[in-house]
Amino acid sequence: MSLRLPNHLQPHIISDHLNSVKLLCSSPSSLRLINHPARALYRWVLDIWSRSPTTPAISHVRAHTRACDIQSNLNRLVDHVASSSHHLPLPPPSVPIPSFFMDNFMLFSSSDGFIESSILHYVDSLLANSYAATLNTCHKPLPPLPLFDNTLPPSYPYTKSPSSYSAVIQLYARSGQLDTALHLSNRLKDGFQPWCRFACRQIEDPHHIFVLCPRFTSLRDTYSQCLKSAVLTILDTYHLTDQDRSFIIERVSNLFSDSNAWPSCQTGFYLGILPRLVPPPLTASIMHSRLAHQAHTSCIQLASRIWGLVCCETREHAENRQRQQVPSTLSLPSQLSSLFHTLVYPSFSIAFS
């Protein structure tokens, strides 16, 4: 279209993708695009611009706002057309892959196609997925991973958050290293009892602490209501059928409890996994990614909050028990008195005879 316009007309391109707008406005060199994701597409665009009589003007418009200017209305229209195209019986033609502007040698995957992003990050994600398939050695067996939601988790809690406590708790839960009563009983072998420390008369394993323990029922309900409210806000921006909307709300409402929403009817939210949140026709939509990121963040935050309370109450109980304990007296020969500068210690005292 840009090549066919008359010389005196300048095309105007509007986009809500800020990074693309900044990159194209900066007239990037070929050297700058060497390691850039989707560089073949940018090379194609820049080649078209170089052959057009007039360089198009490109500007950014904020997405998902209620502004009434022409740019915002056009952006909402395009978003609506793109999201509604998933329901069309005959999908619109996709943009061809610009293989003619790719590097001379490209990594290719039968499942993901050509890999233009960082090879290191791509290999890391493959290793993470293969490691997740071996999690059954650390806790109760899980159904095959394809039965769960396959959306990649948000990167912020793992790579950018100033406090990584949520990620650490998930790592410990996946590797079977949380100090639950059952784990300590199996490891110490000194008569340590596996019963719940909150007097539930149930064996304390990770599933009991995070899902079943009555001590944290109100906390789970609070997080469930907050997640449901956030999901409803997301759904209000999309035009869904009543059946699809009910499906998503039912899955989100049962995320923190054992239900039929999970493949094994047993929740695993504290492991950082999710059930399928949307019907199959919507799995490739942007809405699905937003819902999955919101649900994943709520899951790991709830798990870290519960385990943080477990650790705090356990420490307070140990300190109270230590204060109530009567110090014992250790009797030593008087010849050793010169070795001790004090005779009173927190848990015992020393007497010489």
Foldseek 3Di string as FASTA:
>chain_A
DQQPDDLVDAAEAEEQPVVVLVVVVVVDDPVVLQQPAPSLVVVVVVVVQVNGSHRHHYDYDHAPDPDDDPSHVVVLVVVQVVQCQLVDPDHDDDDDRSPVSDDPDFDQDPVPGTGSHDPVVVVVVVVVVVVLQPLCVQDPDDDDPVQFQPFDEDCCLPPPDPDNLLVVQLVCLSNNNDPQQVSCCVPVVPPRDQDHPVPPRDGTDLLCLQAPPPVCPVVVVVLLVVLLVVLVVLCVSHDDDPVFVVQLSVQSNCQRYQAVQGVVSGHDLSNLIGGQRTPVSCSPDPSSNVSSNSSSVSSSVSNSVSVVVVVVVVVVVVVVVLVPADAAEDEDAPVCPVVDPAQDDSRHGYDHD
